[in-house]
Structure formats: structure tokens, C-alpha cells
Amino acid sequence: MPGTMTKKFTPEIDAQLYEEFVALAEKNGQSKRHVLEQALRFYLHNVVPSQQLVRREIMDAFEQSVVQNRDLLERLAK
């Protein structure tokens, strides 16, 4: 993205994940920066929103129900 401001950072990541990342960039003839930016963009725009499909208060109520009904749920599972 020409003219886009950039920010430098140095993350520490799993060595195997890094090797896969570098190999993918080389295989596709892309820079590591491009692959990393695409991965971050995909994660932020697709993964994060999908994790919030259920409102927090609904999940809290569900978890409370599971705790309150644990004995019944265990008997039904048998």
C-alpha cells in the first residue's frame, strides 16, 4: 500500500510456525511483510468478529446453567 504509514515491531513466535511462514512466503514469491500483513488482516477482519457471534451475557447465562445443572447433565449423558 503506497503511502501507508508503517509501524515496526519484533514479535517472538514459535520456531516451527516461523519456518512455515517463511517457506510460504518464498514459495509464493511474496515478502514476509506481505504474508504477515495479509494474515493479520484476515484474522482481524474474519476470525475476531466470528468469535463474537454470541453475546457475552448469553454465554455467561449458559455457563451458569451448566454449573447449576451439572448433576442432571451427567445423569443424562449416561
C-alpha atoms as a PDB file:
ATOM      1  CA  MET A   1       0.000   0.000   0.000  1.00  0.00           C
ATOM      2  CA  PRO A   2       1.941   3.020  -1.208  1.00  0.00           C
ATOM      3  CA  GLY A   3       1.909   5.959   1.141  1.00  0.00           C
ATOM      4  CA  THR A   4       0.679   3.875   4.055  1.00  0.00           C
ATOM      5  CA  MET A   5       2.349   4.605   7.361  1.00  0.00           C
ATOM      6  CA  THR A   6       4.109   1.626   8.867  1.00  0.00           C
ATOM      7  CA  LYS A   7       4.978   0.571  12.395  1.00  0.00           C
ATOM      8  CA  LYS A   8       7.966  -1.613  13.228  1.00  0.00           C
ATOM      9  CA  PHE A   9       7.632  -4.370  15.821  1.00  0.00           C
ATOM     10  CA  THR A  10       9.519  -7.550  16.611  1.00  0.00           C
ATOM     11  CA  PRO A  11       7.315 -10.425  17.744  1.00  0.00           C
ATOM     12  CA  GLU A  12       8.663 -13.691  19.128  1.00  0.00           C
ATOM     13  CA  ILE A  13       6.782 -16.639  17.666  1.00  0.00           C
ATOM     14  CA  ASP A  14       7.006 -20.418  17.660  1.00  0.00           C
ATOM     15  CA  ALA A  15      10.044 -21.511  15.604  1.00  0.00           C
ATOM     16  CA  GLN A  16       8.108 -24.095  13.553  1.00  0.00           C
ATOM     17  CA  LEU A  17       5.390 -21.556  12.763  1.00  0.00           C
ATOM     18  CA  TYR A  18       8.065 -19.098  11.658  1.00  0.00           C
ATOM     19  CA  GLU A  19       9.632 -21.691   9.336  1.00  0.00           C
ATOM     20  CA  GLU A  20       6.220 -22.411   7.757  1.00  0.00           C
ATOM     21  CA  PHE A  21       5.611 -18.688   7.365  1.00  0.00           C
ATOM     22  CA  VAL A  22       8.967 -18.078   5.649  1.00  0.00           C
ATOM     23  CA  ALA A  23       8.573 -21.138   3.395  1.00  0.00           C
ATOM     24  CA  LEU A  24       5.110 -19.995   2.303  1.00  0.00           C
ATOM     25  CA  ALA A  25       6.336 -16.503   1.500  1.00  0.00           C
ATOM     26  CA  GLU A  26       9.240 -17.876  -0.540  1.00  0.00           C
ATOM     27  CA  LYS A  27       7.059 -20.450  -2.325  1.00  0.00           C
ATOM     28  CA  ASN A  28       4.604 -17.745  -3.397  1.00  0.00           C
ATOM     29  CA  GLY A  29       7.276 -15.179  -4.241  1.00  0.00           C
ATOM     30  CA  GLN A  30       5.928 -12.810  -1.602  1.00  0.00           C
ATOM     31  CA  SER A  31       7.691 -10.812   1.052  1.00  0.00           C
ATOM     32  CA  LYS A  32       7.394 -11.893   4.669  1.00  0.00           C
ATOM     33  CA  ARG A  33       5.882  -8.492   5.380  1.00  0.00           C
ATOM     34  CA  HIS A  34       3.133  -9.055   2.805  1.00  0.00           C
ATOM     35  CA  VAL A  35       2.258 -12.518   4.154  1.00  0.00           C
ATOM     36  CA  LEU A  36       2.225 -11.265   7.745  1.00  0.00           C
ATOM     37  CA  GLU A  37       0.046  -8.254   6.888  1.00  0.00           C
ATOM     38  CA  GLN A  38      -2.406 -10.475   4.985  1.00  0.00           C
ATOM     39  CA  ALA A  39      -2.570 -12.936   7.887  1.00  0.00           C
ATOM     40  CA  LEU A  40      -3.174 -10.164  10.427  1.00  0.00           C
ATOM     41  CA  ARG A  41      -5.771  -8.518   8.201  1.00  0.00           C
ATOM     42  CA  PHE A  42      -7.631 -11.832   7.742  1.00  0.00           C
ATOM     43  CA  TYR A  43      -7.518 -12.564  11.470  1.00  0.00           C
ATOM     44  CA  LEU A  44      -8.759  -9.120  12.493  1.00  0.00           C
ATOM     45  CA  HIS A  45     -11.492  -8.890   9.853  1.00  0.00           C
ATOM     46  CA  ASN A  46     -12.725 -12.505   9.799  1.00  0.00           C
ATOM     47  CA  VAL A  47     -11.725 -14.525  12.833  1.00  0.00           C
ATOM     48  CA  VAL A  48     -12.216 -11.967  15.608  1.00  0.00           C
ATOM     49  CA  PRO A  49     -15.732 -10.926  14.510  1.00  0.00           C
ATOM     50  CA  SER A  50     -16.827 -14.566  14.196  1.00  0.00           C
ATOM     51  CA  GLN A  51     -15.773 -15.206  17.798  1.00  0.00           C
ATOM     52  CA  GLN A  52     -18.269 -12.618  18.975  1.00  0.00           C
ATOM     53  CA  LEU A  53     -21.372 -14.047  17.307  1.00  0.00           C
ATOM     54  CA  VAL A  54     -22.869 -14.952  20.687  1.00  0.00           C
ATOM     55  CA  ARG A  55     -23.291 -12.064  23.097  1.00  0.00           C
ATOM     56  CA  ARG A  56     -21.236 -12.342  26.291  1.00  0.00           C
ATOM     57  CA  GLU A  57     -24.317 -12.267  28.542  1.00  0.00           C
ATOM     58  CA  ILE A  58     -25.770 -15.259  26.674  1.00  0.00           C
ATOM     59  CA  MET A  59     -22.579 -17.252  27.190  1.00  0.00           C
ATOM     60  CA  ASP A  60     -22.493 -16.237  30.868  1.00  0.00           C
ATOM     61  CA  ALA A  61     -26.078 -17.474  31.334  1.00  0.00           C
ATOM     62  CA  PHE A  62     -25.268 -20.734  29.522  1.00  0.00           C
ATOM     63  CA  GLU A  63     -22.182 -21.346  31.673  1.00  0.00           C
ATOM     64  CA  GLN A  64     -24.163 -20.628  34.836  1.00  0.00           C
ATOM     65  CA  SER A  65     -26.865 -23.068  33.710  1.00  0.00           C
ATOM     66  CA  VAL A  66     -24.286 -25.789  33.097  1.00  0.00           C
ATOM     67  CA  VAL A  67     -22.852 -25.310  36.586  1.00  0.00           C
ATOM     68  CA  GLN A  68     -26.313 -25.351  38.199  1.00  0.00           C
ATOM     69  CA  ASN A  69     -27.432 -28.442  36.278  1.00  0.00           C
ATOM     70  CA  ARG A  70     -24.185 -30.421  36.267  1.00  0.00           C
ATOM     71  CA  ASP A  71     -25.662 -33.435  38.108  1.00  0.00           C
ATOM     72  CA  LEU A  72     -28.623 -33.662  35.740  1.00  0.00           C
ATOM     73  CA  LEU A  73     -26.403 -33.289  32.679  1.00  0.00           C
ATOM     74  CA  GLU A  74     -24.093 -36.051  33.910  1.00  0.00           C
ATOM     75  CA  ARG A  75     -27.044 -38.400  34.533  1.00  0.00           C
ATOM     76  CA  LEU A  76     -28.475 -37.672  31.084  1.00  0.00           C
ATOM     77  CA  ALA A  77     -25.104 -38.352  29.477  1.00  0.00           C
ATOM     78  CA  LYS A  78     -25.043 -41.934  30.825  1.00  0.00           C
END
